[in-house]
Amino acid sequence: MSKPAKQLDYHTIREIFSRFRAAEAEPKGELNHVNAYTLVVAVALSAQATDAGVNKATEKLFQIADTPEKMLALGEEGVIEHIKTIGLFRNKAKNVIKLSRILVDDYGGEVPCSRAALESLPGVGRKTANVVLNMWWGHPSQAVDTHIFRVGNRSGICPGKDVVAVERAIEDHIPVDFQHHAHHWLILHGRYICVARKPKCKACLIADLCQFKEKTE
C-alpha cells in the first residue's frame, strides 16, 4: 500500500458521508442471517471468504441449525458437511461448535451484547464482535476489514497504521449522525468502487474529495 493519506477535515468528511447517504440511505451488510446467533456464525465463517460464498454454505445450515442448541445437535461433522466449500472449514466448524457450547453453558443460549463477551467466543475477533454489535443491536461500532483499511488510508477519511487505529479514526472523525452506517458505506465503497488493484475513480462519488494521488481514468 502507498503512503497513507493525511486525515481529512470535518467539513470534507461530512460532505463525503452526505453523498454516501444520498446514494444509499440504509446500507446493509451482505451476510444472510435470521437472528443474532446466525449472524455471529456467519461473520465468523466469513474470515478469508466472500460473503456470497458464506451465504451459499449457510443457506441450508441455518434452516436446520439456527440456535446454538441445534448446532450442537448437528455436531462438528454435520457442520463441516455444510461449510466445506469455505476456506479453513475444519477449523471454523470446530469454532462454531465451541462457541455454541459456551453460549449454551454460560449465556443460556443467548448471544451476549458486549464486545468483551463476544470476543471471548472461539473464532470471534474484534471485527466480528463489532459487526454483530452494529448490525444486531444498532451500536455504532466500526468493523474494520481490508476494504475499510484500504479506503480509509487511500482517501484520508480514516487513515491509520493498523485496524484499531483506523477504527479509532472513524470514531473520532466521522460525525455522529453518520456513525451507525459508516462501516457499511466504507465496506461497500471498497468492495465495489475503491477496489484494491485498480480503483474505479471515474465512477466514484467522492473522487474530487479523495486524497488518493494515483487516481485511475
N, C-alpha and C. Protein backbone atom coordinates (compact mmCIF):
# COMPACT_ATOMS: atom_id res chain seq x y z
N MET A 1 0.84 -1.19 0.00
CA MET A 1 0.00 0.00 0.00
C MET A 1 0.88 1.25 0.00
N SER A 2 0.46 2.27 -0.75
CA SER A 2 1.21 3.51 -0.78
C SER A 2 1.05 4.24 0.57
N LYS A 3 1.79 5.30 0.73
CA LYS A 3 1.77 6.04 1.99
C LYS A 3 0.36 6.51 2.31
N PRO A 4 -0.09 6.33 3.57
CA PRO A 4 -1.46 6.75 3.93
C PRO A 4 -1.67 8.24 3.68
N ALA A 5 -2.88 8.58 3.28
CA ALA A 5 -3.22 9.99 3.05
C ALA A 5 -3.33 10.70 4.40
N LYS A 6 -3.30 12.00 4.34
CA LYS A 6 -3.45 12.82 5.55
C LYS A 6 -4.93 12.83 5.96
N GLN A 7 -5.18 12.87 7.25
CA GLN A 7 -6.55 12.89 7.77
C GLN A 7 -7.33 14.08 7.20
N LEU A 8 -8.49 13.79 6.60
CA LEU A 8 -9.35 14.84 6.05
C LEU A 8 -10.01 15.64 7.17
N ASP A 9 -10.40 16.87 6.87
CA ASP A 9 -11.03 17.72 7.88
C ASP A 9 -12.52 17.41 8.02
N TYR A 10 -13.11 17.97 9.04
CA TYR A 10 -14.51 17.71 9.40
C TYR A 10 -15.47 17.99 8.24
N HIS A 11 -15.33 19.13 7.59
CA HIS A 11 -16.29 19.53 6.55
C HIS A 11 -16.20 18.61 5.33
N THR A 12 -14.98 18.19 4.99
CA THR A 12 -14.82 17.28 3.86
C THR A 12 -15.45 15.92 4.18
N ILE A 13 -15.20 15.42 5.38
CA ILE A 13 -15.78 14.13 5.79
C ILE A 13 -17.30 14.20 5.83
N ARG A 14 -17.80 15.32 6.31
CA ARG A 14 -19.27 15.50 6.36
C ARG A 14 -19.85 15.45 4.94
N GLU A 15 -19.19 16.07 3.99
CA GLU A 15 -19.65 16.06 2.59
C GLU A 15 -19.57 14.65 2.02
N ILE A 16 -18.49 13.93 2.30
CA ILE A 16 -18.33 12.55 1.80
C ILE A 16 -19.49 11.68 2.27
N PHE A 17 -19.79 11.72 3.55
CA PHE A 17 -20.84 10.84 4.07
C PHE A 17 -22.24 11.32 3.71
N SER A 18 -22.37 12.61 3.46
CA SER A 18 -23.66 13.12 2.94
C SER A 18 -23.92 12.53 1.56
N ARG A 19 -22.88 12.41 0.76
CA ARG A 19 -23.02 11.81 -0.58
C ARG A 19 -23.32 10.31 -0.48
N PHE A 20 -22.61 9.63 0.42
CA PHE A 20 -22.88 8.20 0.62
C PHE A 20 -24.34 7.99 1.02
N ARG A 21 -24.81 8.82 1.94
CA ARG A 21 -26.19 8.68 2.44
C ARG A 21 -27.20 9.00 1.35
N ALA A 22 -26.92 10.00 0.54
CA ALA A 22 -27.83 10.36 -0.55
C ALA A 22 -27.93 9.22 -1.56
N ALA A 23 -26.83 8.51 -1.78
CA ALA A 23 -26.81 7.41 -2.74
C ALA A 23 -27.48 6.16 -2.18
N GLU A 24 -27.30 5.90 -0.89
CA GLU A 24 -27.90 4.72 -0.25
C GLU A 24 -28.10 5.02 1.23
N ALA A 25 -29.33 5.39 1.57
CA ALA A 25 -29.61 5.87 2.93
C ALA A 25 -29.47 4.78 3.99
N GLU A 26 -29.81 3.54 3.63
CA GLU A 26 -29.78 2.44 4.61
C GLU A 26 -28.93 1.29 4.09
N PRO A 27 -27.62 1.44 4.09
CA PRO A 27 -26.77 0.35 3.58
C PRO A 27 -26.87 -0.87 4.49
N LYS A 28 -26.82 -2.04 3.92
CA LYS A 28 -26.98 -3.28 4.69
C LYS A 28 -25.77 -4.18 4.50
N GLY A 29 -25.46 -4.94 5.53
CA GLY A 29 -24.45 -5.97 5.40
C GLY A 29 -24.95 -7.05 4.46
N GLU A 30 -24.05 -7.76 3.82
CA GLU A 30 -24.46 -8.71 2.78
C GLU A 30 -24.46 -10.17 3.25
N LEU A 31 -24.23 -10.40 4.55
CA LEU A 31 -24.28 -11.77 5.08
C LEU A 31 -25.71 -12.10 5.52
N ASN A 32 -26.23 -13.21 5.02
CA ASN A 32 -27.58 -13.62 5.40
C ASN A 32 -27.59 -14.20 6.82
N HIS A 33 -28.63 -13.83 7.58
CA HIS A 33 -28.80 -14.34 8.93
C HIS A 33 -30.25 -14.18 9.34
N VAL A 34 -30.66 -14.92 10.36
CA VAL A 34 -32.06 -14.84 10.81
C VAL A 34 -32.18 -14.36 12.25
N ASN A 35 -31.08 -14.38 12.98
CA ASN A 35 -31.09 -13.92 14.38
C ASN A 35 -29.65 -13.58 14.78
N ALA A 36 -29.47 -13.16 16.03
CA ALA A 36 -28.13 -12.77 16.49
C ALA A 36 -27.15 -13.94 16.41
N TYR A 37 -27.61 -15.13 16.74
CA TYR A 37 -26.72 -16.30 16.73
C TYR A 37 -26.22 -16.61 15.31
N THR A 38 -27.14 -16.65 14.35
CA THR A 38 -26.70 -16.97 12.98
C THR A 38 -25.83 -15.85 12.40
N LEU A 39 -26.02 -14.61 12.89
CA LEU A 39 -25.14 -13.51 12.46
C LEU A 39 -23.72 -13.74 12.98
N VAL A 40 -23.60 -14.12 14.25
CA VAL A 40 -22.28 -14.42 14.82
C VAL A 40 -21.59 -15.51 14.02
N VAL A 41 -22.33 -16.58 13.73
CA VAL A 41 -21.76 -17.71 12.99
C VAL A 41 -21.35 -17.26 11.58
N ALA A 42 -22.23 -16.54 10.90
CA ALA A 42 -21.95 -16.11 9.53
C ALA A 42 -20.70 -15.22 9.47
N VAL A 43 -20.59 -14.28 10.40
CA VAL A 43 -19.44 -13.38 10.37
C VAL A 43 -18.16 -14.15 10.71
N ALA A 44 -18.24 -15.07 11.66
CA ALA A 44 -17.07 -15.89 12.00
C ALA A 44 -16.62 -16.73 10.79
N LEU A 45 -17.59 -17.22 10.02
CA LEU A 45 -17.26 -18.03 8.84
C LEU A 45 -16.69 -17.20 7.70
N SER A 46 -16.95 -15.89 7.73
CA SER A 46 -16.59 -15.03 6.59
C SER A 46 -15.10 -14.65 6.55
N ALA A 47 -14.35 -14.98 7.60
CA ALA A 47 -12.92 -14.67 7.60
C ALA A 47 -12.24 -15.38 6.42
N GLN A 48 -11.53 -14.61 5.62
CA GLN A 48 -10.84 -15.14 4.42
C GLN A 48 -11.81 -15.88 3.48
N ALA A 49 -13.03 -15.38 3.39
CA ALA A 49 -14.03 -15.95 2.48
C ALA A 49 -14.93 -14.81 2.02
N THR A 50 -15.62 -15.00 0.91
CA THR A 50 -16.54 -13.96 0.42
C THR A 50 -17.90 -14.12 1.08
N ASP A 51 -18.63 -13.01 1.19
CA ASP A 51 -19.97 -13.08 1.75
C ASP A 51 -20.86 -13.99 0.91
N ALA A 52 -20.71 -13.92 -0.41
CA ALA A 52 -21.52 -14.76 -1.31
C ALA A 52 -21.25 -16.24 -1.04
N GLY A 53 -19.98 -16.58 -0.85
CA GLY A 53 -19.62 -17.97 -0.57
C GLY A 53 -20.18 -18.45 0.76
N VAL A 54 -20.14 -17.57 1.77
CA VAL A 54 -20.68 -17.91 3.09
C VAL A 54 -22.20 -18.08 3.00
N ASN A 55 -22.87 -17.17 2.30
CA ASN A 55 -24.33 -17.26 2.17
C ASN A 55 -24.76 -18.56 1.51
N LYS A 56 -24.01 -18.98 0.51
CA LYS A 56 -24.33 -20.23 -0.18
C LYS A 56 -24.20 -21.42 0.77
N ALA A 57 -23.14 -21.40 1.58
CA ALA A 57 -22.89 -22.50 2.51
C ALA A 57 -23.88 -22.54 3.67
N THR A 58 -24.31 -21.36 4.12
CA THR A 58 -25.17 -21.32 5.31
C THR A 58 -26.66 -21.39 5.00
N GLU A 59 -27.01 -21.32 3.73
CA GLU A 59 -28.44 -21.32 3.37
C GLU A 59 -29.17 -22.51 3.98
N LYS A 60 -28.64 -23.71 3.78
CA LYS A 60 -29.29 -24.91 4.33
C LYS A 60 -28.92 -25.13 5.79
N LEU A 61 -27.68 -24.74 6.15
CA LEU A 61 -27.24 -24.91 7.55
C LEU A 61 -28.18 -24.17 8.50
N PHE A 62 -28.51 -22.91 8.19
CA PHE A 62 -29.34 -22.13 9.10
C PHE A 62 -30.81 -22.56 9.09
N GLN A 63 -31.20 -23.32 8.07
CA GLN A 63 -32.57 -23.86 8.07
C GLN A 63 -32.73 -24.95 9.13
N ILE A 64 -31.64 -25.65 9.40
CA ILE A 64 -31.73 -26.74 10.38
C ILE A 64 -31.02 -26.43 11.70
N ALA A 65 -30.19 -25.40 11.72
CA ALA A 65 -29.45 -25.07 12.95
C ALA A 65 -29.36 -23.56 13.13
N ASP A 66 -30.44 -22.97 13.64
CA ASP A 66 -30.47 -21.52 13.83
C ASP A 66 -30.34 -21.12 15.30
N THR A 67 -29.99 -22.09 16.16
CA THR A 67 -29.73 -21.82 17.58
C THR A 67 -28.49 -22.61 17.97
N PRO A 68 -27.81 -22.20 19.05
CA PRO A 68 -26.63 -22.97 19.47
C PRO A 68 -26.97 -24.41 19.84
N GLU A 69 -28.15 -24.62 20.41
CA GLU A 69 -28.56 -25.98 20.79
C GLU A 69 -28.69 -26.87 19.55
N LYS A 70 -29.31 -26.36 18.51
CA LYS A 70 -29.48 -27.14 17.27
C LYS A 70 -28.13 -27.39 16.60
N MET A 71 -27.22 -26.40 16.69
CA MET A 71 -25.90 -26.56 16.08
C MET A 71 -25.12 -27.67 16.80
N LEU A 72 -25.23 -27.71 18.14
CA LEU A 72 -24.56 -28.76 18.91
C LEU A 72 -25.13 -30.13 18.56
N ALA A 73 -26.44 -30.18 18.34
CA ALA A 73 -27.07 -31.46 17.97
C ALA A 73 -26.58 -31.91 16.59
N LEU A 74 -26.31 -30.95 15.71
CA LEU A 74 -25.80 -31.29 14.38
C LEU A 74 -24.39 -31.85 14.46
N GLY A 75 -23.59 -31.29 15.36
CA GLY A 75 -22.23 -31.79 15.58
C GLY A 75 -21.23 -31.25 14.58
N GLU A 76 -19.96 -31.40 14.92
CA GLU A 76 -18.88 -30.84 14.11
C GLU A 76 -18.87 -31.39 12.68
N GLU A 77 -19.03 -32.71 12.55
CA GLU A 77 -19.03 -33.31 11.21
C GLU A 77 -20.21 -32.82 10.38
N GLY A 78 -21.33 -32.64 11.02
CA GLY A 78 -22.52 -32.12 10.33
C GLY A 78 -22.30 -30.70 9.84
N VAL A 79 -21.63 -29.88 10.68
CA VAL A 79 -21.32 -28.51 10.27
C VAL A 79 -20.36 -28.52 9.08
N ILE A 80 -19.35 -29.38 9.15
CA ILE A 80 -18.37 -29.49 8.06
C ILE A 80 -19.05 -29.80 6.74
N GLU A 81 -20.02 -30.70 6.76
CA GLU A 81 -20.74 -31.06 5.53
C GLU A 81 -21.36 -29.85 4.85
N HIS A 82 -21.83 -28.91 5.65
CA HIS A 82 -22.48 -27.71 5.09
C HIS A 82 -21.49 -26.64 4.65
N ILE A 83 -20.35 -26.55 5.36
CA ILE A 83 -19.46 -25.40 5.10
C ILE A 83 -18.15 -25.77 4.40
N LYS A 84 -18.06 -26.98 3.87
CA LYS A 84 -16.78 -27.43 3.31
C LYS A 84 -16.36 -26.69 2.04
N THR A 85 -17.24 -25.86 1.48
CA THR A 85 -16.86 -25.03 0.32
C THR A 85 -16.15 -23.75 0.75
N ILE A 86 -16.12 -23.48 2.07
CA ILE A 86 -15.49 -22.26 2.60
C ILE A 86 -14.06 -22.57 3.04
N GLY A 87 -13.16 -21.62 2.85
CA GLY A 87 -11.79 -21.79 3.29
C GLY A 87 -11.69 -22.01 4.79
N LEU A 88 -10.72 -22.82 5.21
CA LEU A 88 -10.47 -23.12 6.63
C LEU A 88 -11.68 -23.76 7.32
N PHE A 89 -12.46 -24.54 6.55
CA PHE A 89 -13.75 -25.02 7.06
C PHE A 89 -13.63 -25.91 8.30
N ARG A 90 -12.57 -26.72 8.39
CA ARG A 90 -12.45 -27.61 9.56
C ARG A 90 -12.27 -26.82 10.86
N ASN A 91 -11.37 -25.86 10.81
CA ASN A 91 -11.14 -25.03 11.99
C ASN A 91 -12.36 -24.19 12.33
N LYS A 92 -13.04 -23.70 11.30
CA LYS A 92 -14.23 -22.88 11.52
C LYS A 92 -15.37 -23.72 12.12
N ALA A 93 -15.51 -24.96 11.65
CA ALA A 93 -16.54 -25.85 12.20
C ALA A 93 -16.27 -26.12 13.68
N LYS A 94 -15.00 -26.33 14.00
CA LYS A 94 -14.60 -26.57 15.40
C LYS A 94 -14.98 -25.37 16.26
N ASN A 95 -14.69 -24.15 15.75
CA ASN A 95 -15.01 -22.94 16.50
C ASN A 95 -16.51 -22.73 16.66
N VAL A 96 -17.27 -23.04 15.61
CA VAL A 96 -18.74 -22.90 15.67
C VAL A 96 -19.30 -23.79 16.78
N ILE A 97 -18.81 -25.02 16.87
CA ILE A 97 -19.28 -25.93 17.92
C ILE A 97 -18.83 -25.44 19.29
N LYS A 98 -17.59 -24.99 19.40
CA LYS A 98 -17.08 -24.50 20.69
C LYS A 98 -17.85 -23.27 21.17
N LEU A 99 -18.08 -22.31 20.25
CA LEU A 99 -18.79 -21.10 20.66
C LEU A 99 -20.24 -21.41 21.00
N SER A 100 -20.82 -22.38 20.30
CA SER A 100 -22.20 -22.78 20.60
C SER A 100 -22.29 -23.39 21.99
N ARG A 101 -21.30 -24.20 22.36
CA ARG A 101 -21.26 -24.81 23.69
C ARG A 101 -21.16 -23.74 24.78
N ILE A 102 -20.29 -22.75 24.55
CA ILE A 102 -20.13 -21.66 25.53
C ILE A 102 -21.43 -20.86 25.66
N LEU A 103 -22.08 -20.59 24.53
CA LEU A 103 -23.34 -19.84 24.58
C LEU A 103 -24.40 -20.58 25.39
N VAL A 104 -24.47 -21.90 25.21
CA VAL A 104 -25.45 -22.71 25.95
C VAL A 104 -25.08 -22.77 27.43
N ASP A 105 -23.81 -23.06 27.72
CA ASP A 105 -23.39 -23.26 29.11
C ASP A 105 -23.30 -21.98 29.92
N ASP A 106 -22.82 -20.90 29.28
CA ASP A 106 -22.54 -19.67 30.04
C ASP A 106 -23.54 -18.54 29.83
N TYR A 107 -24.30 -18.59 28.73
CA TYR A 107 -25.20 -17.46 28.42
C TYR A 107 -26.64 -17.88 28.18
N GLY A 108 -26.99 -19.08 28.61
CA GLY A 108 -28.37 -19.53 28.45
C GLY A 108 -28.84 -19.62 27.02
N GLY A 109 -27.88 -19.83 26.09
CA GLY A 109 -28.24 -19.95 24.68
C GLY A 109 -28.42 -18.62 23.96
N GLU A 110 -28.22 -17.52 24.70
CA GLU A 110 -28.37 -16.19 24.11
C GLU A 110 -27.01 -15.61 23.73
N VAL A 111 -26.99 -14.77 22.71
CA VAL A 111 -25.75 -14.11 22.30
C VAL A 111 -25.56 -12.86 23.18
N PRO A 112 -24.41 -12.75 23.86
CA PRO A 112 -24.18 -11.58 24.71
C PRO A 112 -23.97 -10.32 23.87
N CYS A 113 -24.26 -9.16 24.46
CA CYS A 113 -24.15 -7.93 23.67
C CYS A 113 -23.10 -6.97 24.23
N SER A 114 -21.96 -7.51 24.64
CA SER A 114 -20.81 -6.65 24.94
C SER A 114 -19.65 -7.13 24.07
N ARG A 115 -18.78 -6.21 23.71
CA ARG A 115 -17.66 -6.57 22.85
C ARG A 115 -16.76 -7.60 23.53
N ALA A 116 -16.48 -7.41 24.83
CA ALA A 116 -15.60 -8.32 25.55
C ALA A 116 -16.17 -9.73 25.59
N ALA A 117 -17.47 -9.85 25.86
CA ALA A 117 -18.09 -11.18 25.92
C ALA A 117 -18.08 -11.84 24.55
N LEU A 118 -18.36 -11.07 23.50
CA LEU A 118 -18.34 -11.62 22.15
C LEU A 118 -16.93 -12.06 21.76
N GLU A 119 -15.94 -11.23 22.09
CA GLU A 119 -14.56 -11.56 21.72
C GLU A 119 -14.03 -12.77 22.48
N SER A 120 -14.67 -13.14 23.58
CA SER A 120 -14.23 -14.32 24.33
C SER A 120 -14.66 -15.63 23.65
N LEU A 121 -15.54 -15.53 22.65
CA LEU A 121 -16.02 -16.73 21.95
C LEU A 121 -14.99 -17.19 20.92
N PRO A 122 -14.76 -18.49 20.79
CA PRO A 122 -13.79 -19.02 19.80
C PRO A 122 -14.15 -18.58 18.38
N GLY A 123 -13.16 -18.08 17.66
CA GLY A 123 -13.37 -17.67 16.27
C GLY A 123 -13.98 -16.29 16.11
N VAL A 124 -14.23 -15.60 17.24
CA VAL A 124 -14.83 -14.27 17.19
C VAL A 124 -13.77 -13.25 17.62
N GLY A 125 -13.34 -12.42 16.69
CA GLY A 125 -12.37 -11.38 16.99
C GLY A 125 -13.07 -10.03 17.11
N ARG A 126 -12.29 -8.98 17.18
CA ARG A 126 -12.84 -7.64 17.35
C ARG A 126 -13.74 -7.24 16.18
N LYS A 127 -13.32 -7.59 14.95
CA LYS A 127 -14.11 -7.23 13.79
C LYS A 127 -15.48 -7.90 13.84
N THR A 128 -15.49 -9.20 14.11
CA THR A 128 -16.76 -9.94 14.20
C THR A 128 -17.65 -9.36 15.28
N ALA A 129 -17.06 -9.10 16.45
CA ALA A 129 -17.84 -8.53 17.55
C ALA A 129 -18.46 -7.20 17.15
N ASN A 130 -17.69 -6.34 16.48
CA ASN A 130 -18.20 -5.04 16.06
C ASN A 130 -19.31 -5.15 15.03
N VAL A 131 -19.19 -6.11 14.11
CA VAL A 131 -20.25 -6.32 13.12
C VAL A 131 -21.55 -6.70 13.82
N VAL A 132 -21.47 -7.63 14.76
CA VAL A 132 -22.67 -8.11 15.47
C VAL A 132 -23.28 -7.00 16.31
N LEU A 133 -22.46 -6.25 17.02
CA LEU A 133 -22.97 -5.14 17.84
C LEU A 133 -23.67 -4.10 16.97
N ASN A 134 -23.11 -3.84 15.78
CA ASN A 134 -23.68 -2.84 14.88
C ASN A 134 -24.95 -3.34 14.21
N MET A 135 -24.85 -4.52 13.58
CA MET A 135 -25.96 -4.99 12.75
C MET A 135 -27.14 -5.50 13.57
N TRP A 136 -26.88 -6.08 14.74
CA TRP A 136 -27.99 -6.65 15.50
C TRP A 136 -28.53 -5.69 16.55
N TRP A 137 -27.61 -5.00 17.24
CA TRP A 137 -28.07 -4.14 18.33
C TRP A 137 -28.04 -2.66 17.98
N GLY A 138 -27.61 -2.32 16.79
CA GLY A 138 -27.63 -0.91 16.37
C GLY A 138 -26.60 -0.04 17.07
N HIS A 139 -25.57 -0.67 17.65
CA HIS A 139 -24.50 0.09 18.30
C HIS A 139 -23.57 0.64 17.21
N PRO A 140 -23.12 1.91 17.33
CA PRO A 140 -22.28 2.48 16.27
C PRO A 140 -20.83 1.99 16.32
N SER A 141 -20.67 0.68 16.36
CA SER A 141 -19.31 0.11 16.37
C SER A 141 -18.81 -0.01 14.94
N GLN A 142 -17.49 0.03 14.79
CA GLN A 142 -16.89 0.09 13.46
C GLN A 142 -16.05 -1.17 13.20
N ALA A 143 -16.52 -2.01 12.31
CA ALA A 143 -15.83 -3.26 11.99
C ALA A 143 -14.87 -3.01 10.83
N VAL A 144 -13.60 -2.90 11.13
CA VAL A 144 -12.61 -2.55 10.11
C VAL A 144 -12.08 -3.83 9.44
N ASP A 145 -12.39 -3.98 8.16
CA ASP A 145 -11.85 -5.10 7.38
C ASP A 145 -10.82 -4.55 6.37
N THR A 146 -10.38 -5.40 5.46
CA THR A 146 -9.36 -4.96 4.48
C THR A 146 -9.88 -3.84 3.58
N HIS A 147 -11.18 -3.85 3.27
CA HIS A 147 -11.76 -2.81 2.42
C HIS A 147 -11.70 -1.44 3.12
N ILE A 148 -12.15 -1.41 4.37
CA ILE A 148 -12.16 -0.14 5.11
C ILE A 148 -10.73 0.35 5.35
N PHE A 149 -9.84 -0.57 5.66
CA PHE A 149 -8.45 -0.19 5.89
C PHE A 149 -7.86 0.48 4.65
N ARG A 150 -8.16 -0.11 3.49
CA ARG A 150 -7.68 0.44 2.21
C ARG A 150 -8.31 1.80 1.91
N VAL A 151 -9.63 1.87 1.98
CA VAL A 151 -10.34 3.12 1.68
C VAL A 151 -9.92 4.23 2.64
N GLY A 152 -9.86 3.90 3.92
CA GLY A 152 -9.52 4.90 4.93
C GLY A 152 -8.15 5.50 4.71
N ASN A 153 -7.18 4.66 4.36
CA ASN A 153 -5.81 5.14 4.16
C ASN A 153 -5.60 5.80 2.81
N ARG A 154 -6.29 5.32 1.80
CA ARG A 154 -6.16 5.94 0.46
C ARG A 154 -6.78 7.33 0.44
N SER A 155 -7.96 7.43 1.00
CA SER A 155 -8.76 8.65 0.84
C SER A 155 -8.43 9.72 1.86
N GLY A 156 -8.01 9.29 3.06
CA GLY A 156 -7.83 10.24 4.15
C GLY A 156 -9.05 10.33 5.06
N ILE A 157 -10.07 9.51 4.79
CA ILE A 157 -11.26 9.51 5.64
C ILE A 157 -10.91 9.05 7.05
N CYS A 158 -10.14 7.96 7.13
CA CYS A 158 -9.78 7.40 8.44
C CYS A 158 -8.45 6.66 8.33
N PRO A 159 -7.36 7.37 8.10
CA PRO A 159 -6.06 6.71 8.00
C PRO A 159 -5.58 6.16 9.33
N GLY A 160 -4.79 5.09 9.26
CA GLY A 160 -4.22 4.52 10.48
C GLY A 160 -3.28 3.39 10.14
N LYS A 161 -2.33 3.14 11.01
CA LYS A 161 -1.30 2.13 10.71
C LYS A 161 -1.80 0.70 10.90
N ASP A 162 -2.87 0.52 11.68
CA ASP A 162 -3.45 -0.81 11.86
C ASP A 162 -4.96 -0.67 12.01
N VAL A 163 -5.65 -1.81 12.11
CA VAL A 163 -7.12 -1.76 12.11
C VAL A 163 -7.68 -1.02 13.32
N VAL A 164 -7.03 -1.14 14.46
CA VAL A 164 -7.52 -0.44 15.66
C VAL A 164 -7.36 1.07 15.48
N ALA A 165 -6.26 1.51 14.87
CA ALA A 165 -6.05 2.94 14.62
C ALA A 165 -7.09 3.48 13.64
N VAL A 166 -7.43 2.68 12.62
CA VAL A 166 -8.45 3.08 11.65
C VAL A 166 -9.82 3.14 12.33
N GLU A 167 -10.11 2.15 13.16
CA GLU A 167 -11.37 2.14 13.93
C GLU A 167 -11.48 3.40 14.78
N ARG A 168 -10.39 3.75 15.46
CA ARG A 168 -10.39 4.96 16.30
C ARG A 168 -10.56 6.22 15.44
N ALA A 169 -9.94 6.25 14.26
CA ALA A 169 -10.07 7.41 13.38
C ALA A 169 -11.52 7.60 12.92
N ILE A 170 -12.21 6.47 12.65
CA ILE A 170 -13.63 6.55 12.27
C ILE A 170 -14.43 7.15 13.43
N GLU A 171 -14.22 6.61 14.63
CA GLU A 171 -14.97 7.08 15.81
C GLU A 171 -14.67 8.54 16.13
N ASP A 172 -13.41 8.94 15.92
CA ASP A 172 -13.01 10.30 16.28
C ASP A 172 -13.39 11.35 15.24
N HIS A 173 -13.39 10.97 13.96
CA HIS A 173 -13.51 11.99 12.91
C HIS A 173 -14.84 11.99 12.14
N ILE A 174 -15.53 10.87 12.10
CA ILE A 174 -16.79 10.85 11.34
C ILE A 174 -17.92 11.37 12.23
N PRO A 175 -18.67 12.37 11.76
CA PRO A 175 -19.74 12.94 12.57
C PRO A 175 -20.72 11.88 13.08
N VAL A 176 -21.21 12.11 14.28
CA VAL A 176 -22.03 11.12 14.98
C VAL A 176 -23.25 10.68 14.17
N ASP A 177 -23.85 11.59 13.44
CA ASP A 177 -25.07 11.21 12.71
C ASP A 177 -24.80 10.25 11.55
N PHE A 178 -23.53 10.01 11.23
CA PHE A 178 -23.18 9.03 10.19
C PHE A 178 -22.55 7.76 10.78
N GLN A 179 -22.33 7.73 12.09
CA GLN A 179 -21.57 6.64 12.70
C GLN A 179 -22.24 5.27 12.54
N HIS A 180 -23.55 5.22 12.67
CA HIS A 180 -24.22 3.91 12.65
C HIS A 180 -23.95 3.14 11.35
N HIS A 181 -24.02 3.85 10.22
CA HIS A 181 -23.85 3.19 8.92
C HIS A 181 -22.44 3.35 8.33
N ALA A 182 -21.55 4.03 9.05
CA ALA A 182 -20.24 4.37 8.48
C ALA A 182 -19.50 3.16 7.94
N HIS A 183 -19.42 2.09 8.72
CA HIS A 183 -18.60 0.96 8.27
C HIS A 183 -19.23 0.26 7.07
N HIS A 184 -20.57 0.27 6.97
CA HIS A 184 -21.20 -0.34 5.79
C HIS A 184 -20.94 0.49 4.53
N TRP A 185 -21.05 1.80 4.64
CA TRP A 185 -20.75 2.64 3.47
C TRP A 185 -19.31 2.43 3.01
N LEU A 186 -18.40 2.37 3.96
CA LEU A 186 -16.98 2.22 3.62
C LEU A 186 -16.67 0.82 3.04
N ILE A 187 -17.27 -0.21 3.63
CA ILE A 187 -17.06 -1.57 3.11
C ILE A 187 -17.57 -1.68 1.68
N LEU A 188 -18.79 -1.22 1.45
CA LEU A 188 -19.39 -1.32 0.11
C LEU A 188 -18.60 -0.49 -0.90
N HIS A 189 -18.11 0.67 -0.46
CA HIS A 189 -17.30 1.52 -1.36
C HIS A 189 -16.01 0.80 -1.73
N GLY A 190 -15.40 0.14 -0.74
CA GLY A 190 -14.16 -0.58 -1.01
C GLY A 190 -14.37 -1.85 -1.82
N ARG A 191 -15.51 -2.48 -1.62
CA ARG A 191 -15.79 -3.74 -2.31
C ARG A 191 -16.11 -3.52 -3.79
N TYR A 192 -16.80 -2.42 -4.10
CA TYR A 192 -17.30 -2.24 -5.47
C TYR A 192 -16.68 -1.07 -6.25
N ILE A 193 -16.14 -0.08 -5.56
CA ILE A 193 -15.59 1.09 -6.26
C ILE A 193 -14.09 1.25 -5.99
N CYS A 194 -13.72 1.42 -4.76
CA CYS A 194 -12.31 1.65 -4.41
C CYS A 194 -11.61 0.30 -4.22
N VAL A 195 -11.62 -0.49 -5.28
CA VAL A 195 -11.08 -1.85 -5.23
C VAL A 195 -9.55 -1.82 -5.16
N ALA A 196 -8.97 -2.96 -4.78
CA ALA A 196 -7.55 -2.99 -4.45
C ALA A 196 -6.64 -2.66 -5.63
N ARG A 197 -6.78 -3.38 -6.74
CA ARG A 197 -5.80 -3.24 -7.83
C ARG A 197 -5.99 -2.00 -8.69
N LYS A 198 -7.22 -1.78 -9.12
CA LYS A 198 -7.46 -0.63 -9.99
C LYS A 198 -8.78 0.03 -9.58
N PRO A 199 -8.70 0.98 -8.65
CA PRO A 199 -9.93 1.62 -8.18
C PRO A 199 -10.69 2.30 -9.32
N LYS A 200 -12.02 2.27 -9.22
CA LYS A 200 -12.87 2.83 -10.29
C LYS A 200 -13.14 4.31 -10.00
N CYS A 201 -12.09 5.09 -10.10
CA CYS A 201 -12.18 6.51 -9.71
C CYS A 201 -13.19 7.30 -10.55
N LYS A 202 -13.36 6.88 -11.81
CA LYS A 202 -14.30 7.59 -12.69
C LYS A 202 -15.74 7.44 -12.20
N ALA A 203 -16.03 6.29 -11.56
CA ALA A 203 -17.39 6.03 -11.07
C ALA A 203 -17.55 6.42 -9.60
N CYS A 204 -16.51 7.03 -9.02
CA CYS A 204 -16.51 7.30 -7.58
C CYS A 204 -17.25 8.59 -7.22
N LEU A 205 -18.13 8.48 -6.23
CA LEU A 205 -18.92 9.61 -5.75
C LEU A 205 -18.07 10.69 -5.09
N ILE A 206 -16.92 10.29 -4.58
CA ILE A 206 -16.13 11.20 -3.75
C ILE A 206 -14.73 11.46 -4.33
N ALA A 207 -14.56 11.18 -5.63
CA ALA A 207 -13.23 11.31 -6.27
C ALA A 207 -12.63 12.70 -6.09
N ASP A 208 -13.47 13.73 -6.12
CA ASP A 208 -12.96 15.10 -6.02
C ASP A 208 -12.53 15.46 -4.59
N LEU A 209 -12.94 14.65 -3.62
CA LEU A 209 -12.61 14.92 -2.21
C LEU A 209 -11.53 13.99 -1.67
N CYS A 210 -11.27 12.93 -2.42
CA CYS A 210 -10.33 11.89 -2.00
C CYS A 210 -8.89 12.33 -2.26
N GLN A 211 -7.99 11.93 -1.35
CA GLN A 211 -6.58 12.34 -1.48
C GLN A 211 -5.70 11.33 -2.22
N PHE A 212 -6.30 10.28 -2.73
CA PHE A 212 -5.51 9.25 -3.45
C PHE A 212 -4.87 9.87 -4.68
N LYS A 213 -3.55 9.82 -4.74
CA LYS A 213 -2.83 10.54 -5.80
C LYS A 213 -2.76 9.77 -7.13
N GLU A 214 -2.91 8.43 -7.05
CA GLU A 214 -2.78 7.64 -8.28
C GLU A 214 -4.15 7.30 -8.88
N LYS A 215 -5.00 8.30 -9.01
CA LYS A 215 -6.35 8.07 -9.50
C LYS A 215 -6.34 7.51 -10.92
N THR A 216 -7.27 6.60 -11.16
CA THR A 216 -7.39 5.99 -12.49
C THR A 216 -8.32 6.83 -13.33
N GLU A 217 -8.17 6.68 -14.63
CA GLU A 217 -9.04 7.42 -15.56
C GLU A 217 -10.39 6.72 -15.69
